[in-house]
Amino acid sequence: MSDTPATPPAADPAPAETPQNELTPPASAAGTAARSALLLGTFTLIFTALMALTFEATREPIRASVEARRLELIAQVLPQGDYDNALLTDTVQLPTLPALGIAGPVTLHRARRGADPVALVFEAQAPDGYSGTIRLLIALRADGTLGGVRVVAHKETPGLGDYIDPAKDRATPKWIAQFAGRDTAQAGSWAVRKDGGDFAYMSGATISPRAVVRATGRAVAAIAPAREALFGLPTGASAGEVFK
């Protein structure tokens, strides 16, 4: 017998260790993420649906409220009893007219009684108020007289220049009332008395009324000669050709 010790049997190789991708989350984390995504998606769908329902439910009341406010404002320069058409939809689009002082198209509303034209209602701006721009709403009657003017927005000095706004003017009659019924044939030369015209003003506060008188005169002088053509345009049409 040999003294060489017997070679022990080779040990079974250890099973190969499967490498784990460090970027792959454990099964429990992946499940949590999926559930979170599902909940977020469900919440988003529900929220979107609620928003859509709310919008649909409030759209008509909001539109009606805006239209009612617009008609109330227009009624200050043109009584609602003077016309019987849908004033808010009987409109044409004025092109950019320097005389209106507004950068961009302006919607012009047309008032009618039956088939007869009554008045044109439109906005203009006075850029030279004491504290900035003064927005105006003007009604020009079909016969060429002025229905009325209202200041719809301004930043004039409280207690002084804001008497151009009838809501703040405590005088009787209101300063703004002197526009109603005026013949617009010479509107381009309208001015306050201090400047040689016949529009009244408050001593010591000339800038605001001067701006309103001049802006109204410029706007009316531009629109009045075209009033017949403006009444004749199809609803919703552009009036650009009228002023070329």
C-alpha atoms as a PDB file:
ATOM      1  CA  MET A   1       0.000   0.000   0.000  1.00  0.00           C
ATOM      2  CA  SER A   2       1.169   3.517  -0.720  1.00  0.00           C
ATOM      3  CA  ASP A   3       1.675   5.946   2.089  1.00  0.00           C
ATOM      4  CA  THR A   4       0.287   8.740  -0.103  1.00  0.00           C
ATOM      5  CA  PRO A   5      -2.794  10.020   1.564  1.00  0.00           C
ATOM      6  CA  ALA A   6      -5.979   9.671  -0.405  1.00  0.00           C
ATOM      7  CA  THR A   7      -7.102  12.806  -2.229  1.00  0.00           C
ATOM      8  CA  PRO A   8     -10.319  14.003  -0.694  1.00  0.00           C
ATOM      9  CA  PRO A   9     -13.222  14.215  -3.083  1.00  0.00           C
ATOM     10  CA  ALA A  10     -13.674  17.651  -4.692  1.00  0.00           C
ATOM     11  CA  ALA A  11     -16.308  19.782  -3.054  1.00  0.00           C
ATOM     12  CA  ASP A  12     -19.320  20.696  -5.096  1.00  0.00           C
ATOM     13  CA  PRO A  13     -18.879  24.182  -6.538  1.00  0.00           C
ATOM     14  CA  ALA A  14     -20.887  26.862  -4.829  1.00  0.00           C
ATOM     15  CA  PRO A  15     -23.896  27.895  -6.822  1.00  0.00           C
ATOM     16  CA  ALA A  16     -23.262  31.048  -8.881  1.00  0.00           C
ATOM     17  CA  GLU A  17     -24.659  34.140  -7.188  1.00  0.00           C
ATOM     18  CA  THR A  18     -27.135  35.955  -9.381  1.00  0.00           C
ATOM     19  CA  PRO A  19     -26.143  39.646  -9.574  1.00  0.00           C
ATOM     20  CA  GLN A  20     -28.895  42.013  -8.508  1.00  0.00           C
ATOM     21  CA  ASN A  21     -29.608  45.122 -10.585  1.00  0.00           C
ATOM     22  CA  GLU A  22     -29.292  47.946  -8.110  1.00  0.00           C
ATOM     23  CA  LEU A  23     -31.688  50.086 -10.177  1.00  0.00           C
ATOM     24  CA  THR A  24     -34.565  47.649  -9.838  1.00  0.00           C
ATOM     25  CA  PRO A  25     -36.560  48.417  -6.706  1.00  0.00           C
ATOM     26  CA  PRO A  26     -37.726  45.642  -4.477  1.00  0.00           C
ATOM     27  CA  ALA A  27     -41.079  44.168  -5.357  1.00  0.00           C
ATOM     28  CA  SER A  28     -42.714  45.920  -2.403  1.00  0.00           C
ATOM     29  CA  ALA A  29     -41.419  49.390  -3.511  1.00  0.00           C
ATOM     30  CA  ALA A  30     -42.550  48.823  -7.099  1.00  0.00           C
ATOM     31  CA  GLY A  31     -46.024  47.927  -5.906  1.00  0.00           C
ATOM     32  CA  THR A  32     -46.213  51.038  -3.748  1.00  0.00           C
ATOM     33  CA  ALA A  33     -45.163  53.226  -6.695  1.00  0.00           C
ATOM     34  CA  ALA A  34     -47.790  51.650  -8.931  1.00  0.00           C
ATOM     35  CA  ARG A  35     -50.509  52.201  -6.350  1.00  0.00           C
ATOM     36  CA  SER A  36     -49.412  55.841  -5.902  1.00  0.00           C
ATOM     37  CA  ALA A  37     -49.479  56.420  -9.650  1.00  0.00           C
ATOM     38  CA  LEU A  38     -52.930  54.873  -9.865  1.00  0.00           C
ATOM     39  CA  LEU A  39     -54.240  57.058  -7.038  1.00  0.00           C
ATOM     40  CA  LEU A  40     -52.723  60.181  -8.580  1.00  0.00           C
ATOM     41  CA  GLY A  41     -54.229  59.374 -11.958  1.00  0.00           C
ATOM     42  CA  THR A  42     -57.633  58.721 -10.424  1.00  0.00           C
ATOM     43  CA  PHE A  43     -57.492  61.975  -8.439  1.00  0.00           C
ATOM     44  CA  THR A  44     -56.489  63.902 -11.566  1.00  0.00           C
ATOM     45  CA  LEU A  45     -59.391  62.459 -13.544  1.00  0.00           C
ATOM     46  CA  ILE A  46     -61.883  63.228 -10.779  1.00  0.00           C
ATOM     47  CA  PHE A  47     -60.535  66.780 -10.309  1.00  0.00           C
ATOM     48  CA  THR A  48     -60.642  67.439 -14.061  1.00  0.00           C
ATOM     49  CA  ALA A  49     -64.199  66.161 -14.264  1.00  0.00           C
ATOM     50  CA  LEU A  50     -65.277  68.366 -11.339  1.00  0.00           C
ATOM     51  CA  MET A  51     -63.633  71.402 -12.907  1.00  0.00           C
ATOM     52  CA  ALA A  52     -65.385  70.726 -16.198  1.00  0.00           C
ATOM     53  CA  LEU A  53     -68.741  70.348 -14.477  1.00  0.00           C
ATOM     54  CA  THR A  54     -68.174  73.553 -12.481  1.00  0.00           C
ATOM     55  CA  PHE A  55     -67.231  75.449 -15.635  1.00  0.00           C
ATOM     56  CA  GLU A  56     -70.324  74.247 -17.464  1.00  0.00           C
ATOM     57  CA  ALA A  57     -72.533  75.068 -14.484  1.00  0.00           C
ATOM     58  CA  THR A  58     -71.185  78.595 -14.074  1.00  0.00           C
ATOM     59  CA  ARG A  59     -70.481  79.592 -17.682  1.00  0.00           C
ATOM     60  CA  GLU A  60     -74.010  80.694 -18.487  1.00  0.00           C
ATOM     61  CA  PRO A  61     -74.589  82.669 -15.247  1.00  0.00           C
ATOM     62  CA  ILE A  62     -71.234  84.416 -15.700  1.00  0.00           C
ATOM     63  CA  ARG A  63     -72.011  85.271 -19.312  1.00  0.00           C
ATOM     64  CA  ALA A  64     -75.456  86.549 -18.344  1.00  0.00           C
ATOM     65  CA  SER A  65     -73.964  88.644 -15.544  1.00  0.00           C
ATOM     66  CA  VAL A  66     -71.381  90.210 -17.874  1.00  0.00           C
ATOM     67  CA  GLU A  67     -74.053  90.985 -20.467  1.00  0.00           C
ATOM     68  CA  ALA A  68     -76.366  92.499 -17.866  1.00  0.00           C
ATOM     69  CA  ARG A  69     -73.573  94.730 -16.585  1.00  0.00           C
ATOM     70  CA  ARG A  70     -72.738  95.785 -20.120  1.00  0.00           C
ATOM     71  CA  LEU A  71     -76.365  96.684 -20.839  1.00  0.00           C
ATOM     72  CA  GLU A  72     -76.582  98.665 -17.590  1.00  0.00           C
ATOM     73  CA  LEU A  73     -73.555 100.667 -18.648  1.00  0.00           C
ATOM     74  CA  ILE A  74     -74.901 101.276 -22.141  1.00  0.00           C
ATOM     75  CA  ALA A  75     -78.233 102.370 -20.650  1.00  0.00           C
ATOM     76  CA  GLN A  76     -76.419 105.345 -19.128  1.00  0.00           C
ATOM     77  CA  VAL A  77     -75.769 106.734 -22.609  1.00  0.00           C
ATOM     78  CA  LEU A  78     -78.722 105.181 -24.456  1.00  0.00           C
ATOM     79  CA  PRO A  79     -82.005 104.293 -22.707  1.00  0.00           C
ATOM     80  CA  GLN A  80     -83.048 100.662 -23.255  1.00  0.00           C
ATOM     81  CA  GLY A  81     -86.510 101.798 -24.314  1.00  0.00           C
ATOM     82  CA  ASP A  82     -85.045 103.531 -27.360  1.00  0.00           C
ATOM     83  CA  TYR A  83     -84.243 100.283 -29.190  1.00  0.00           C
ATOM     84  CA  ASP A  84     -85.652  96.768 -29.509  1.00  0.00           C
ATOM     85  CA  ASN A  85     -82.892  94.733 -31.147  1.00  0.00           C
ATOM     86  CA  ALA A  86     -80.222  92.524 -29.564  1.00  0.00           C
ATOM     87  CA  LEU A  87     -77.716  95.325 -29.117  1.00  0.00           C
ATOM     88  CA  LEU A  88     -74.924  93.132 -27.762  1.00  0.00           C
ATOM     89  CA  THR A  89     -74.898  90.885 -30.823  1.00  0.00           C
ATOM     90  CA  ASP A  90     -75.696  93.479 -33.496  1.00  0.00           C
ATOM     91  CA  THR A  91     -72.083  94.575 -33.839  1.00  0.00           C
ATOM     92  CA  VAL A  92     -69.321  95.369 -36.303  1.00  0.00           C
ATOM     93  CA  GLN A  93     -65.590  95.612 -35.714  1.00  0.00           C
ATOM     94  CA  LEU A  94     -63.991  99.001 -36.128  1.00  0.00           C
ATOM     95  CA  PRO A  95     -60.375  98.969 -37.319  1.00  0.00           C
ATOM     96  CA  THR A  96     -57.637 100.652 -35.329  1.00  0.00           C
ATOM     97  CA  LEU A  97     -58.524 104.342 -35.559  1.00  0.00           C
ATOM     98  CA  PRO A  98     -56.148 106.905 -34.038  1.00  0.00           C
ATOM     99  CA  ALA A  99     -59.149 109.128 -33.306  1.00  0.00           C
ATOM    100  CA  LEU A 100     -60.470 106.543 -30.831  1.00  0.00           C
ATOM    101  CA  GLY A 101     -57.202 106.421 -28.910  1.00  0.00           C
ATOM    102  CA  ILE A 102     -57.337 102.610 -28.639  1.00  0.00           C
ATOM    103  CA  ALA A 103     -54.585 100.356 -29.979  1.00  0.00           C
ATOM    104  CA  GLY A 104     -56.546  97.625 -31.711  1.00  0.00           C
ATOM    105  CA  PRO A 105     -60.018  96.880 -33.075  1.00  0.00           C
ATOM    106  CA  VAL A 106     -63.069  98.226 -31.263  1.00  0.00           C
ATOM    107  CA  THR A 107     -66.497  96.592 -31.105  1.00  0.00           C
ATOM    108  CA  LEU A 108     -69.258  98.934 -32.204  1.00  0.00           C
ATOM    109  CA  HIS A 109     -72.823  98.130 -31.095  1.00  0.00           C
ATOM    110  CA  ARG A 110     -75.765  99.121 -33.285  1.00  0.00           C
ATOM    111  CA  ALA A 111     -79.123 100.015 -31.736  1.00  0.00           C
ATOM    112  CA  ARG A 112     -82.245  99.750 -33.864  1.00  0.00           C
ATOM    113  CA  ARG A 113     -85.988  99.998 -33.474  1.00  0.00           C
ATOM    114  CA  GLY A 114     -87.553  97.668 -35.978  1.00  0.00           C
ATOM    115  CA  ALA A 115     -85.724  98.361 -39.219  1.00  0.00           C
ATOM    116  CA  ASP A 116     -84.797 101.914 -38.263  1.00  0.00           C
ATOM    117  CA  PRO A 117     -81.281 102.796 -37.027  1.00  0.00           C
ATOM    118  CA  VAL A 118     -81.209 104.438 -33.606  1.00  0.00           C
ATOM    119  CA  ALA A 119     -77.635 104.813 -32.395  1.00  0.00           C
ATOM    120  CA  LEU A 120     -74.062 103.562 -32.490  1.00  0.00           C
ATOM    121  CA  VAL A 121     -72.353 102.758 -29.192  1.00  0.00           C
ATOM    122  CA  PHE A 122     -68.582 102.418 -28.945  1.00  0.00           C
ATOM    123  CA  GLU A 123     -65.586 103.052 -26.699  1.00  0.00           C
ATOM    124  CA  ALA A 124     -62.771 105.582 -26.957  1.00  0.00           C
ATOM    125  CA  GLN A 125     -59.881 106.683 -24.770  1.00  0.00           C
ATOM    126  CA  ALA A 126     -58.392 109.987 -23.715  1.00  0.00           C
ATOM    127  CA  PRO A 127     -54.655 109.378 -23.301  1.00  0.00           C
ATOM    128  CA  ASP A 128     -53.952 112.736 -21.678  1.00  0.00           C
ATOM    129  CA  GLY A 129     -55.811 112.638 -18.395  1.00  0.00           C
ATOM    130  CA  TYR A 130     -54.121 114.175 -15.346  1.00  0.00           C
ATOM    131  CA  SER A 131     -53.193 110.737 -13.993  1.00  0.00           C
ATOM    132  CA  GLY A 132     -53.319 108.629 -17.140  1.00  0.00           C
ATOM    133  CA  THR A 133     -55.768 107.198 -19.624  1.00  0.00           C
ATOM    134  CA  ILE A 134     -59.515 107.889 -19.324  1.00  0.00           C
ATOM    135  CA  ARG A 135     -61.835 105.301 -20.899  1.00  0.00           C
ATOM    136  CA  LEU A 136     -65.084 106.525 -22.432  1.00  0.00           C
ATOM    137  CA  LEU A 137     -68.329 104.999 -23.636  1.00  0.00           C
ATOM    138  CA  ILE A 138     -70.102 107.050 -26.306  1.00  0.00           C
ATOM    139  CA  ALA A 139     -73.539 106.823 -27.911  1.00  0.00           C
ATOM    140  CA  LEU A 140     -73.905 108.557 -31.272  1.00  0.00           C
ATOM    141  CA  ARG A 141     -77.487 108.787 -32.497  1.00  0.00           C
ATOM    142  CA  ALA A 142     -78.449 108.118 -36.099  1.00  0.00           C
ATOM    143  CA  ASP A 143     -79.518 111.755 -36.543  1.00  0.00           C
ATOM    144  CA  GLY A 144     -75.994 112.955 -35.746  1.00  0.00           C
ATOM    145  CA  THR A 145     -76.626 114.114 -32.194  1.00  0.00           C
ATOM    146  CA  LEU A 146     -74.835 112.721 -29.192  1.00  0.00           C
ATOM    147  CA  GLY A 147     -76.810 110.341 -27.006  1.00  0.00           C
ATOM    148  CA  GLY A 148     -74.412 110.607 -24.113  1.00  0.00           C
ATOM    149  CA  VAL A 149     -70.915 109.965 -22.775  1.00  0.00           C
ATOM    150  CA  ARG A 150     -69.760 108.081 -19.705  1.00  0.00           C
ATOM    151  CA  VAL A 151     -66.346 107.733 -18.119  1.00  0.00           C
ATOM    152  CA  VAL A 152     -65.997 104.010 -17.468  1.00  0.00           C
ATOM    153  CA  ALA A 153     -62.442 104.010 -16.027  1.00  0.00           C
ATOM    154  CA  HIS A 154     -59.977 106.644 -14.865  1.00  0.00           C
ATOM    155  CA  LYS A 155     -57.299 107.433 -12.256  1.00  0.00           C
ATOM    156  CA  GLU A 156     -57.903 111.137 -11.837  1.00  0.00           C
ATOM    157  CA  THR A 157     -57.274 112.898  -8.535  1.00  0.00           C
ATOM    158  CA  PRO A 158     -59.963 111.915  -6.002  1.00  0.00           C
ATOM    159  CA  GLY A 159     -62.149 114.820  -4.981  1.00  0.00           C
ATOM    160  CA  LEU A 160     -60.931 117.046  -7.787  1.00  0.00           C
ATOM    161  CA  GLY A 161     -60.516 115.639 -11.294  1.00  0.00           C
ATOM    162  CA  ASP A 162     -62.914 112.764 -10.749  1.00  0.00           C
ATOM    163  CA  TYR A 163     -65.988 115.016 -11.187  1.00  0.00           C
ATOM    164  CA  ILE A 164     -65.916 113.804 -14.794  1.00  0.00           C
ATOM    165  CA  ASP A 165     -67.314 110.537 -13.375  1.00  0.00           C
ATOM    166  CA  PRO A 166     -71.058 110.886 -12.643  1.00  0.00           C
ATOM    167  CA  ALA A 167     -70.801 108.283  -9.895  1.00  0.00           C
ATOM    168  CA  LYS A 168     -68.549 110.692  -7.967  1.00  0.00           C
ATOM    169  CA  ASP A 169     -69.824 114.043  -9.203  1.00  0.00           C
ATOM    170  CA  ARG A 170     -72.077 115.642  -6.561  1.00  0.00           C
ATOM    171  CA  ALA A 171     -73.188 118.523  -8.777  1.00  0.00           C
ATOM    172  CA  THR A 172     -76.672 118.869 -10.248  1.00  0.00           C
ATOM    173  CA  PRO A 173     -76.794 118.473 -13.157  1.00  0.00           C
ATOM    174  CA  LYS A 174     -73.768 116.223 -13.540  1.00  0.00           C
ATOM    175  CA  TRP A 175     -70.849 117.643 -15.484  1.00  0.00           C
ATOM    176  CA  ILE A 176     -70.999 114.772 -17.992  1.00  0.00           C
ATOM    177  CA  ALA A 177     -74.651 115.552 -18.805  1.00  0.00           C
ATOM    178  CA  GLN A 178     -73.677 118.494 -21.021  1.00  0.00           C
ATOM    179  CA  PHE A 179     -72.720 116.076 -23.823  1.00  0.00           C
ATOM    180  CA  ALA A 180     -76.224 114.664 -24.299  1.00  0.00           C
ATOM    181  CA  GLY A 181     -78.131 116.042 -27.271  1.00  0.00           C
ATOM    182  CA  ARG A 182     -75.242 117.990 -28.801  1.00  0.00           C
ATOM    183  CA  ASP A 183     -74.977 118.296 -32.567  1.00  0.00           C
ATOM    184  CA  THR A 184     -71.770 116.545 -33.583  1.00  0.00           C
ATOM    185  CA  ALA A 185     -71.230 118.417 -36.858  1.00  0.00           C
ATOM    186  CA  GLN A 186     -68.431 120.467 -35.259  1.00  0.00           C
ATOM    187  CA  ALA A 187     -67.261 117.815 -32.801  1.00  0.00           C
ATOM    188  CA  GLY A 188     -63.676 118.048 -33.980  1.00  0.00           C
ATOM    189  CA  SER A 189     -63.387 121.544 -32.504  1.00  0.00           C
ATOM    190  CA  TRP A 190     -65.036 120.846 -29.136  1.00  0.00           C
ATOM    191  CA  ALA A 191     -63.214 122.411 -26.201  1.00  0.00           C
ATOM    192  CA  VAL A 192     -63.748 123.619 -22.652  1.00  0.00           C
ATOM    193  CA  ARG A 193     -64.460 127.329 -22.115  1.00  0.00           C
ATOM    194  CA  LYS A 194     -60.928 128.002 -20.971  1.00  0.00           C
ATOM    195  CA  ASP A 195     -59.755 126.913 -24.432  1.00  0.00           C
ATOM    196  CA  GLY A 196     -62.398 128.882 -26.331  1.00  0.00           C
ATOM    197  CA  GLY A 197     -65.135 126.241 -26.398  1.00  0.00           C
ATOM    198  CA  ASP A 198     -68.465 126.050 -24.605  1.00  0.00           C
ATOM    199  CA  PHE A 199     -67.992 123.054 -22.307  1.00  0.00           C
ATOM    200  CA  ALA A 200     -68.029 123.924 -18.605  1.00  0.00           C
ATOM    201  CA  TYR A 201     -65.223 122.861 -16.282  1.00  0.00           C
ATOM    202  CA  MET A 202     -64.233 123.214 -12.640  1.00  0.00           C
ATOM    203  CA  SER A 203     -61.804 126.035 -11.916  1.00  0.00           C
ATOM    204  CA  GLY A 204     -58.448 124.623 -10.910  1.00  0.00           C
ATOM    205  CA  ALA A 205     -59.197 121.228 -12.445  1.00  0.00           C
ATOM    206  CA  THR A 206     -59.073 121.723 -16.190  1.00  0.00           C
ATOM    207  CA  ILE A 207     -56.921 118.832 -17.370  1.00  0.00           C
ATOM    208  CA  SER A 208     -59.456 116.036 -16.815  1.00  0.00           C
ATOM    209  CA  PRO A 209     -62.473 117.680 -18.528  1.00  0.00           C
ATOM    210  CA  ARG A 210     -60.246 118.981 -21.326  1.00  0.00           C
ATOM    211  CA  ALA A 211     -59.075 115.422 -22.010  1.00  0.00           C
ATOM    212  CA  VAL A 212     -62.629 114.050 -22.027  1.00  0.00           C
ATOM    213  CA  VAL A 213     -64.016 116.795 -24.263  1.00  0.00           C
ATOM    214  CA  ARG A 214     -61.232 116.531 -26.801  1.00  0.00           C
ATOM    215  CA  ALA A 215     -61.249 112.724 -26.893  1.00  0.00           C
ATOM    216  CA  THR A 216     -65.028 112.619 -27.330  1.00  0.00           C
ATOM    217  CA  GLY A 217     -64.873 115.222 -30.072  1.00  0.00           C
ATOM    218  CA  ARG A 218     -62.149 113.364 -31.970  1.00  0.00           C
ATOM    219  CA  ALA A 219     -63.964 110.025 -31.720  1.00  0.00           C
ATOM    220  CA  VAL A 220     -67.346 111.389 -32.769  1.00  0.00           C
ATOM    221  CA  ALA A 221     -65.833 113.387 -35.649  1.00  0.00           C
ATOM    222  CA  ALA A 222     -64.336 110.147 -36.984  1.00  0.00           C
ATOM    223  CA  ILE A 223     -67.453 107.970 -36.615  1.00  0.00           C
ATOM    224  CA  ALA A 224     -70.309 110.373 -37.417  1.00  0.00           C
ATOM    225  CA  PRO A 225     -69.655 110.726 -41.173  1.00  0.00           C
ATOM    226  CA  ALA A 226     -69.638 106.916 -41.543  1.00  0.00           C
ATOM    227  CA  ARG A 227     -72.743 106.134 -39.500  1.00  0.00           C
ATOM    228  CA  GLU A 228     -74.988 105.247 -42.475  1.00  0.00           C
ATOM    229  CA  ALA A 229     -72.374 102.852 -43.870  1.00  0.00           C
ATOM    230  CA  LEU A 230     -71.816 101.325 -40.430  1.00  0.00           C
ATOM    231  CA  PHE A 231     -75.505 100.569 -40.015  1.00  0.00           C
ATOM    232  CA  GLY A 232     -75.506  98.890 -43.426  1.00  0.00           C
ATOM    233  CA  LEU A 233     -72.749  96.360 -42.749  1.00  0.00           C
ATOM    234  CA  PRO A 234     -73.587  92.691 -42.038  1.00  0.00           C
ATOM    235  CA  THR A 235     -73.513  91.692 -38.377  1.00  0.00           C
ATOM    236  CA  GLY A 236     -70.022  90.814 -37.239  1.00  0.00           C
ATOM    237  CA  ALA A 237     -68.363  92.348 -40.287  1.00  0.00           C
ATOM    238  CA  SER A 238     -65.181  94.374 -40.252  1.00  0.00           C
ATOM    239  CA  ALA A 239     -65.662  98.076 -40.925  1.00  0.00           C
ATOM    240  CA  GLY A 240     -62.150  98.519 -42.264  1.00  0.00           C
ATOM    241  CA  GLU A 241     -63.320  99.332 -45.803  1.00  0.00           C
ATOM    242  CA  VAL A 242     -65.582 102.092 -44.507  1.00  0.00           C
ATOM    243  CA  PHE A 243     -62.614 104.097 -43.231  1.00  0.00           C
ATOM    244  CA  LYS A 244     -60.268 103.704 -46.208  1.00  0.00           C
END
